[in-house]
Amino acid sequence: MFSEACGAVAPERSGVDPSWFNRRFAQIGAGAALLVSFLWAPASFPHVELCLFRRFTGLPCPGCGLTRGFCAISHGRFSLAFALNPFAFVFYAGALLVLAWPLLQRAFPAATARVNISRILSIAVPTLVFGMIVYGIARIVFLLS
């Protein structure tokens, strides 16, 4: 009311949902990661140390081995993937879910409508981060002992 009284006009909404772009971006990223993981075998990665934690300490961080593990899963080398980083399975499943979500919504509209993605992520992300930190500490303790 105030803006109308002052003569200001509210901008028109374009009708484009910004979360639509976020979902599409996530789907493109997940699809690209899965495609690359099928194209590259874990052994074909160049041995370039990208992890700053490992570069400075010589010890693996909680995320070390995720990329190679992700690729190992795509090539059916599950034990190698687990040895590289067991959290690769979590990220792989997440990528598959992000990619398949639109199909699941079409196939099961009633079931997917009841899913509260924000609530799931608000629990899953901190749990995943905590789990990775505990795993990283345990891996370092094991390597040092």
N, C-alpha and C. Protein backbone atom coordinates (compact mmCIF):
# COMPACT_ATOMS: atom_id res chain seq x y z
N MET A 1 0.83 -1.19 0.00
CA MET A 1 0.00 0.00 0.00
C MET A 1 0.87 1.25 0.00
N PHE A 2 1.92 1.27 0.79
CA PHE A 2 2.74 2.45 0.88
C PHE A 2 3.35 2.79 -0.48
N SER A 3 3.86 1.74 -1.19
CA SER A 3 4.51 2.01 -2.47
C SER A 3 3.50 2.54 -3.49
N GLU A 4 2.26 2.05 -3.41
CA GLU A 4 1.25 2.55 -4.34
C GLU A 4 0.91 4.00 -4.02
N ALA A 5 0.87 4.33 -2.74
CA ALA A 5 0.54 5.69 -2.35
C ALA A 5 1.63 6.67 -2.76
N CYS A 6 2.87 6.21 -2.79
CA CYS A 6 3.99 7.07 -3.17
C CYS A 6 4.19 7.11 -4.68
N GLY A 7 3.42 6.34 -5.40
CA GLY A 7 3.55 6.33 -6.85
C GLY A 7 4.55 5.32 -7.36
N ALA A 8 5.18 4.56 -6.45
CA ALA A 8 6.15 3.54 -6.90
C ALA A 8 5.39 2.32 -7.39
N VAL A 9 5.92 1.72 -8.40
CA VAL A 9 5.31 0.53 -8.97
C VAL A 9 6.22 -0.65 -8.68
N ALA A 10 5.63 -1.71 -8.16
CA ALA A 10 6.41 -2.91 -7.86
C ALA A 10 6.80 -3.57 -9.18
N PRO A 11 8.00 -4.11 -9.25
CA PRO A 11 8.42 -4.78 -10.49
C PRO A 11 7.57 -6.03 -10.73
N GLU A 12 7.31 -6.27 -12.00
CA GLU A 12 6.53 -7.46 -12.35
C GLU A 12 7.40 -8.69 -12.20
N ARG A 13 6.77 -9.77 -11.77
CA ARG A 13 7.48 -11.03 -11.65
C ARG A 13 7.49 -11.71 -13.00
N SER A 14 8.62 -12.26 -13.35
CA SER A 14 8.76 -12.87 -14.67
C SER A 14 8.10 -14.24 -14.73
N GLY A 15 7.76 -14.83 -13.59
CA GLY A 15 7.15 -16.14 -13.59
C GLY A 15 8.18 -17.26 -13.61
N VAL A 16 9.45 -16.92 -13.62
CA VAL A 16 10.50 -17.92 -13.63
C VAL A 16 10.92 -18.20 -12.19
N ASP A 17 10.86 -19.45 -11.82
CA ASP A 17 11.23 -19.87 -10.48
C ASP A 17 12.75 -20.01 -10.41
N PRO A 18 13.43 -19.22 -9.55
CA PRO A 18 14.89 -19.32 -9.49
C PRO A 18 15.38 -20.70 -9.06
N SER A 19 14.57 -21.41 -8.28
CA SER A 19 14.99 -22.75 -7.87
C SER A 19 15.02 -23.70 -9.06
N TRP A 20 14.29 -23.38 -10.13
CA TRP A 20 14.32 -24.19 -11.34
C TRP A 20 15.74 -24.20 -11.91
N PHE A 21 16.38 -23.03 -11.93
CA PHE A 21 17.75 -22.94 -12.43
C PHE A 21 18.70 -23.72 -11.53
N ASN A 22 18.50 -23.65 -10.22
CA ASN A 22 19.35 -24.39 -9.29
C ASN A 22 19.23 -25.89 -9.52
N ARG A 23 17.99 -26.35 -9.71
CA ARG A 23 17.79 -27.78 -9.96
C ARG A 23 18.43 -28.20 -11.27
N ARG A 24 18.27 -27.42 -12.30
CA ARG A 24 18.86 -27.76 -13.61
C ARG A 24 20.39 -27.74 -13.53
N PHE A 25 20.94 -26.77 -12.82
CA PHE A 25 22.38 -26.70 -12.65
C PHE A 25 22.89 -27.94 -11.92
N ALA A 26 22.19 -28.35 -10.87
CA ALA A 26 22.58 -29.55 -10.12
C ALA A 26 22.47 -30.79 -11.00
N GLN A 27 21.42 -30.87 -11.82
CA GLN A 27 21.26 -32.03 -12.69
C GLN A 27 22.35 -32.08 -13.76
N ILE A 28 22.69 -30.95 -14.32
CA ILE A 28 23.76 -30.90 -15.32
C ILE A 28 25.09 -31.30 -14.68
N GLY A 29 25.35 -30.78 -13.48
CA GLY A 29 26.58 -31.14 -12.78
C GLY A 29 26.64 -32.62 -12.44
N ALA A 30 25.54 -33.17 -11.96
CA ALA A 30 25.51 -34.60 -11.62
C ALA A 30 25.69 -35.45 -12.88
N GLY A 31 25.02 -35.06 -13.95
CA GLY A 31 25.16 -35.80 -15.20
C GLY A 31 26.57 -35.74 -15.74
N ALA A 32 27.19 -34.57 -15.66
CA ALA A 32 28.57 -34.41 -16.14
C ALA A 32 29.53 -35.25 -15.29
N ALA A 33 29.34 -35.24 -13.98
CA ALA A 33 30.21 -36.02 -13.10
C ALA A 33 30.08 -37.52 -13.40
N LEU A 34 28.86 -37.97 -13.60
CA LEU A 34 28.67 -39.38 -13.91
C LEU A 34 29.25 -39.74 -15.28
N LEU A 35 29.07 -38.86 -16.26
CA LEU A 35 29.62 -39.12 -17.59
C LEU A 35 31.15 -39.19 -17.54
N VAL A 36 31.76 -38.23 -16.88
CA VAL A 36 33.22 -38.23 -16.77
C VAL A 36 33.71 -39.47 -16.03
N SER A 37 32.96 -39.89 -15.02
CA SER A 37 33.39 -41.06 -14.25
C SER A 37 33.35 -42.34 -15.08
N PHE A 38 32.48 -42.39 -16.09
CA PHE A 38 32.46 -43.53 -16.99
C PHE A 38 33.59 -43.45 -18.02
N LEU A 39 33.98 -42.25 -18.38
CA LEU A 39 35.02 -42.07 -19.39
C LEU A 39 36.43 -42.29 -18.85
N TRP A 40 36.66 -41.94 -17.59
CA TRP A 40 38.00 -42.03 -17.00
C TRP A 40 38.05 -43.15 -15.97
N ALA A 41 39.00 -44.01 -16.14
CA ALA A 41 39.25 -45.06 -15.15
C ALA A 41 40.09 -44.44 -14.03
N PRO A 42 39.97 -44.96 -12.81
CA PRO A 42 40.74 -44.38 -11.70
C PRO A 42 42.24 -44.37 -11.95
N ALA A 43 42.74 -45.38 -12.62
CA ALA A 43 44.19 -45.46 -12.87
C ALA A 43 44.66 -44.46 -13.91
N SER A 44 43.73 -43.93 -14.72
CA SER A 44 44.13 -43.02 -15.79
C SER A 44 44.27 -41.57 -15.32
N PHE A 45 43.94 -41.29 -14.09
CA PHE A 45 44.07 -39.93 -13.58
C PHE A 45 45.55 -39.58 -13.46
N PRO A 46 45.91 -38.38 -13.84
CA PRO A 46 47.30 -37.97 -13.64
C PRO A 46 47.58 -37.84 -12.14
N HIS A 47 48.77 -38.19 -11.75
CA HIS A 47 49.11 -38.12 -10.33
C HIS A 47 49.58 -36.70 -10.00
N VAL A 48 48.60 -35.82 -9.87
CA VAL A 48 48.86 -34.44 -9.51
C VAL A 48 48.23 -34.22 -8.14
N GLU A 49 49.00 -33.75 -7.22
CA GLU A 49 48.50 -33.53 -5.86
C GLU A 49 47.69 -32.24 -5.80
N LEU A 50 46.37 -32.38 -5.78
CA LEU A 50 45.49 -31.21 -5.73
C LEU A 50 45.11 -30.82 -4.31
N CYS A 51 45.18 -31.78 -3.42
CA CYS A 51 44.77 -31.55 -2.03
C CYS A 51 45.86 -30.78 -1.28
N LEU A 52 45.53 -29.58 -0.85
CA LEU A 52 46.50 -28.77 -0.11
C LEU A 52 46.85 -29.39 1.24
N PHE A 53 45.86 -29.99 1.89
CA PHE A 53 46.12 -30.63 3.18
C PHE A 53 47.16 -31.73 3.02
N ARG A 54 46.97 -32.56 2.00
CA ARG A 54 47.92 -33.65 1.77
C ARG A 54 49.28 -33.11 1.32
N ARG A 55 49.26 -32.07 0.52
CA ARG A 55 50.52 -31.49 0.03
C ARG A 55 51.37 -30.96 1.18
N PHE A 56 50.73 -30.33 2.16
CA PHE A 56 51.49 -29.73 3.26
C PHE A 56 51.78 -30.69 4.40
N THR A 57 50.90 -31.67 4.62
CA THR A 57 51.09 -32.58 5.76
C THR A 57 51.55 -33.97 5.36
N GLY A 58 51.31 -34.35 4.11
CA GLY A 58 51.61 -35.71 3.68
C GLY A 58 50.54 -36.71 4.10
N LEU A 59 49.48 -36.21 4.73
CA LEU A 59 48.39 -37.06 5.21
C LEU A 59 47.13 -36.80 4.38
N PRO A 60 46.27 -37.80 4.22
CA PRO A 60 45.05 -37.60 3.44
C PRO A 60 43.99 -36.82 4.21
N CYS A 61 43.27 -35.99 3.51
CA CYS A 61 42.13 -35.28 4.10
C CYS A 61 40.91 -36.19 4.02
N PRO A 62 39.79 -35.83 4.63
CA PRO A 62 38.60 -36.67 4.56
C PRO A 62 38.08 -36.87 3.13
N GLY A 63 38.41 -35.96 2.22
CA GLY A 63 37.91 -36.08 0.84
C GLY A 63 38.88 -36.74 -0.11
N CYS A 64 40.10 -37.03 0.36
CA CYS A 64 41.08 -37.66 -0.53
C CYS A 64 40.56 -39.02 -1.00
N GLY A 65 40.62 -39.23 -2.29
CA GLY A 65 40.17 -40.49 -2.89
C GLY A 65 38.74 -40.47 -3.40
N LEU A 66 38.01 -39.37 -3.17
CA LEU A 66 36.61 -39.32 -3.62
C LEU A 66 36.48 -39.39 -5.14
N THR A 67 37.28 -38.65 -5.85
CA THR A 67 37.16 -38.62 -7.31
C THR A 67 37.51 -39.98 -7.91
N ARG A 68 38.62 -40.55 -7.48
CA ARG A 68 39.00 -41.87 -7.98
C ARG A 68 37.98 -42.93 -7.56
N GLY A 69 37.46 -42.81 -6.34
CA GLY A 69 36.44 -43.75 -5.88
C GLY A 69 35.16 -43.64 -6.69
N PHE A 70 34.78 -42.42 -7.02
CA PHE A 70 33.59 -42.17 -7.83
C PHE A 70 33.75 -42.85 -9.19
N CYS A 71 34.93 -42.69 -9.79
CA CYS A 71 35.20 -43.31 -11.09
C CYS A 71 35.28 -44.83 -10.98
N ALA A 72 35.83 -45.33 -9.88
CA ALA A 72 35.92 -46.77 -9.68
C ALA A 72 34.52 -47.40 -9.62
N ILE A 73 33.57 -46.71 -9.01
CA ILE A 73 32.19 -47.21 -8.95
C ILE A 73 31.63 -47.34 -10.36
N SER A 74 31.86 -46.34 -11.20
CA SER A 74 31.34 -46.39 -12.57
C SER A 74 31.95 -47.54 -13.37
N HIS A 75 33.13 -47.97 -12.98
CA HIS A 75 33.79 -49.08 -13.68
C HIS A 75 33.58 -50.41 -12.97
N GLY A 76 32.69 -50.43 -11.99
CA GLY A 76 32.35 -51.67 -11.30
C GLY A 76 33.41 -52.16 -10.33
N ARG A 77 34.34 -51.32 -9.97
CA ARG A 77 35.41 -51.71 -9.05
C ARG A 77 35.06 -51.22 -7.64
N PHE A 78 34.08 -51.89 -7.04
CA PHE A 78 33.51 -51.43 -5.79
C PHE A 78 34.48 -51.55 -4.61
N SER A 79 35.26 -52.61 -4.56
CA SER A 79 36.20 -52.75 -3.44
C SER A 79 37.29 -51.67 -3.53
N LEU A 80 37.73 -51.35 -4.75
CA LEU A 80 38.70 -50.27 -4.91
C LEU A 80 38.09 -48.94 -4.47
N ALA A 81 36.84 -48.71 -4.87
CA ALA A 81 36.16 -47.47 -4.49
C ALA A 81 36.07 -47.35 -2.97
N PHE A 82 35.74 -48.44 -2.32
CA PHE A 82 35.64 -48.42 -0.86
C PHE A 82 37.00 -48.16 -0.22
N ALA A 83 38.05 -48.75 -0.80
CA ALA A 83 39.39 -48.55 -0.26
C ALA A 83 39.85 -47.11 -0.47
N LEU A 84 39.47 -46.51 -1.59
CA LEU A 84 39.88 -45.12 -1.86
C LEU A 84 39.18 -44.14 -0.92
N ASN A 85 37.88 -44.26 -0.82
CA ASN A 85 37.10 -43.43 0.11
C ASN A 85 35.67 -43.96 0.12
N PRO A 86 35.21 -44.52 1.23
CA PRO A 86 33.86 -45.09 1.27
C PRO A 86 32.75 -44.07 1.02
N PHE A 87 33.04 -42.80 1.22
CA PHE A 87 32.02 -41.78 0.99
C PHE A 87 31.76 -41.55 -0.49
N ALA A 88 32.57 -42.15 -1.36
CA ALA A 88 32.31 -42.07 -2.79
C ALA A 88 30.94 -42.66 -3.12
N PHE A 89 30.54 -43.71 -2.38
CA PHE A 89 29.23 -44.32 -2.61
C PHE A 89 28.09 -43.36 -2.28
N VAL A 90 28.27 -42.57 -1.24
CA VAL A 90 27.25 -41.59 -0.85
C VAL A 90 27.11 -40.53 -1.93
N PHE A 91 28.23 -40.01 -2.41
CA PHE A 91 28.19 -38.98 -3.45
C PHE A 91 27.67 -39.55 -4.78
N TYR A 92 28.01 -40.78 -5.08
CA TYR A 92 27.53 -41.43 -6.30
C TYR A 92 26.01 -41.59 -6.24
N ALA A 93 25.52 -42.07 -5.10
CA ALA A 93 24.08 -42.23 -4.93
C ALA A 93 23.38 -40.87 -5.02
N GLY A 94 23.99 -39.85 -4.44
CA GLY A 94 23.43 -38.50 -4.52
C GLY A 94 23.36 -38.00 -5.95
N ALA A 95 24.41 -38.24 -6.73
CA ALA A 95 24.42 -37.82 -8.13
C ALA A 95 23.33 -38.55 -8.91
N LEU A 96 23.18 -39.84 -8.68
CA LEU A 96 22.13 -40.60 -9.36
C LEU A 96 20.74 -40.08 -8.97
N LEU A 97 20.57 -39.77 -7.70
CA LEU A 97 19.27 -39.28 -7.23
C LEU A 97 18.95 -37.90 -7.83
N VAL A 98 19.93 -37.01 -7.85
CA VAL A 98 19.71 -35.69 -8.44
C VAL A 98 19.33 -35.82 -9.91
N LEU A 99 20.00 -36.72 -10.61
CA LEU A 99 19.74 -36.92 -12.03
C LEU A 99 18.38 -37.57 -12.27
N ALA A 100 17.99 -38.51 -11.41
CA ALA A 100 16.75 -39.25 -11.60
C ALA A 100 15.53 -38.57 -10.98
N TRP A 101 15.72 -37.54 -10.17
CA TRP A 101 14.60 -36.93 -9.45
C TRP A 101 13.45 -36.48 -10.36
N PRO A 102 13.70 -35.82 -11.48
CA PRO A 102 12.57 -35.44 -12.34
C PRO A 102 11.78 -36.64 -12.85
N LEU A 103 12.46 -37.73 -13.15
CA LEU A 103 11.76 -38.94 -13.59
C LEU A 103 10.94 -39.53 -12.45
N LEU A 104 11.51 -39.53 -11.25
CA LEU A 104 10.78 -40.03 -10.09
C LEU A 104 9.54 -39.18 -9.80
N GLN A 105 9.67 -37.86 -9.99
CA GLN A 105 8.53 -36.98 -9.77
C GLN A 105 7.40 -37.28 -10.76
N ARG A 106 7.76 -37.58 -12.00
CA ARG A 106 6.74 -37.91 -12.99
C ARG A 106 6.12 -39.27 -12.73
N ALA A 107 6.95 -40.23 -12.32
CA ALA A 107 6.47 -41.60 -12.11
C ALA A 107 5.67 -41.73 -10.81
N PHE A 108 6.08 -41.00 -9.78
CA PHE A 108 5.44 -41.12 -8.47
C PHE A 108 5.11 -39.73 -7.91
N PRO A 109 4.17 -39.01 -8.54
CA PRO A 109 3.92 -37.63 -8.11
C PRO A 109 3.43 -37.51 -6.67
N ALA A 110 2.59 -38.42 -6.23
CA ALA A 110 2.06 -38.33 -4.86
C ALA A 110 3.16 -38.56 -3.83
N ALA A 111 4.01 -39.53 -4.09
CA ALA A 111 5.09 -39.85 -3.15
C ALA A 111 6.14 -38.74 -3.10
N THR A 112 6.53 -38.22 -4.25
CA THR A 112 7.58 -37.20 -4.27
C THR A 112 7.07 -35.86 -3.77
N ALA A 113 5.77 -35.62 -3.86
CA ALA A 113 5.22 -34.36 -3.36
C ALA A 113 5.34 -34.26 -1.84
N ARG A 114 5.36 -35.41 -1.17
CA ARG A 114 5.47 -35.43 0.28
C ARG A 114 6.91 -35.32 0.77
N VAL A 115 7.87 -35.39 -0.14
CA VAL A 115 9.28 -35.33 0.24
C VAL A 115 9.69 -33.88 0.44
N ASN A 116 10.21 -33.58 1.60
CA ASN A 116 10.67 -32.24 1.92
C ASN A 116 12.19 -32.22 1.76
N ILE A 117 12.64 -31.82 0.56
CA ILE A 117 14.06 -31.83 0.23
C ILE A 117 14.86 -30.95 1.19
N SER A 118 14.34 -29.79 1.52
CA SER A 118 15.06 -28.88 2.42
C SER A 118 15.29 -29.53 3.78
N ARG A 119 14.30 -30.20 4.29
CA ARG A 119 14.42 -30.87 5.59
C ARG A 119 15.43 -32.01 5.52
N ILE A 120 15.37 -32.79 4.44
CA ILE A 120 16.31 -33.91 4.28
C ILE A 120 17.74 -33.38 4.20
N LEU A 121 17.95 -32.33 3.40
CA LEU A 121 19.29 -31.77 3.26
C LEU A 121 19.79 -31.15 4.55
N SER A 122 18.88 -30.53 5.32
CA SER A 122 19.30 -29.90 6.57
C SER A 122 19.78 -30.93 7.58
N ILE A 123 19.38 -32.16 7.42
CA ILE A 123 19.86 -33.25 8.29
C ILE A 123 21.03 -33.99 7.63
N ALA A 124 20.90 -34.27 6.34
CA ALA A 124 21.89 -35.10 5.65
C ALA A 124 23.24 -34.42 5.49
N VAL A 125 23.25 -33.15 5.15
CA VAL A 125 24.53 -32.46 4.89
C VAL A 125 25.39 -32.38 6.15
N PRO A 126 24.85 -31.90 7.28
CA PRO A 126 25.71 -31.88 8.48
C PRO A 126 26.13 -33.28 8.93
N THR A 127 25.25 -34.27 8.76
CA THR A 127 25.60 -35.64 9.11
C THR A 127 26.72 -36.15 8.23
N LEU A 128 26.65 -35.85 6.95
CA LEU A 128 27.69 -36.26 6.01
C LEU A 128 29.02 -35.58 6.35
N VAL A 129 28.98 -34.30 6.61
CA VAL A 129 30.21 -33.56 6.95
C VAL A 129 30.82 -34.13 8.24
N PHE A 130 29.99 -34.35 9.25
CA PHE A 130 30.48 -34.91 10.51
C PHE A 130 31.08 -36.29 10.27
N GLY A 131 30.39 -37.12 9.51
CA GLY A 131 30.89 -38.46 9.21
C GLY A 131 32.21 -38.44 8.48
N MET A 132 32.35 -37.52 7.54
CA MET A 132 33.60 -37.41 6.79
C MET A 132 34.74 -36.93 7.68
N ILE A 133 34.45 -36.03 8.60
CA ILE A 133 35.49 -35.55 9.53
C ILE A 133 35.94 -36.69 10.45
N VAL A 134 34.98 -37.44 10.97
CA VAL A 134 35.33 -38.58 11.83
C VAL A 134 36.14 -39.60 11.04
N TYR A 135 35.72 -39.88 9.81
CA TYR A 135 36.44 -40.82 8.95
C TYR A 135 37.86 -40.30 8.68
N GLY A 136 37.99 -39.03 8.38
CA GLY A 136 39.30 -38.46 8.09
C GLY A 136 40.24 -38.56 9.28
N ILE A 137 39.73 -38.27 10.46
CA ILE A 137 40.55 -38.38 11.68
C ILE A 137 40.94 -39.83 11.92
N ALA A 138 39.98 -40.75 11.79
CA ALA A 138 40.27 -42.18 12.00
C ALA A 138 41.29 -42.68 10.99
N ARG A 139 41.20 -42.24 9.75
CA ARG A 139 42.15 -42.67 8.72
C ARG A 139 43.56 -42.17 9.05
N ILE A 140 43.66 -40.93 9.51
CA ILE A 140 44.97 -40.40 9.87
C ILE A 140 45.55 -41.14 11.08
N VAL A 141 44.70 -41.38 12.08
CA VAL A 141 45.17 -42.10 13.27
C VAL A 141 45.65 -43.50 12.87
N PHE A 142 44.92 -44.16 12.00
CA PHE A 142 45.30 -45.49 11.54
C PHE A 142 46.62 -45.44 10.77
N LEU A 143 46.80 -44.45 9.92
CA LEU A 143 48.04 -44.32 9.15
C LEU A 143 49.25 -44.03 10.04
N LEU A 144 49.03 -43.26 11.09
CA LEU A 144 50.12 -42.88 11.98
C LEU A 144 50.48 -43.98 12.99
N SER A 145 49.57 -44.92 13.19
CA SER A 145 49.85 -45.97 14.19
C SER A 145 50.56 -47.16 13.59
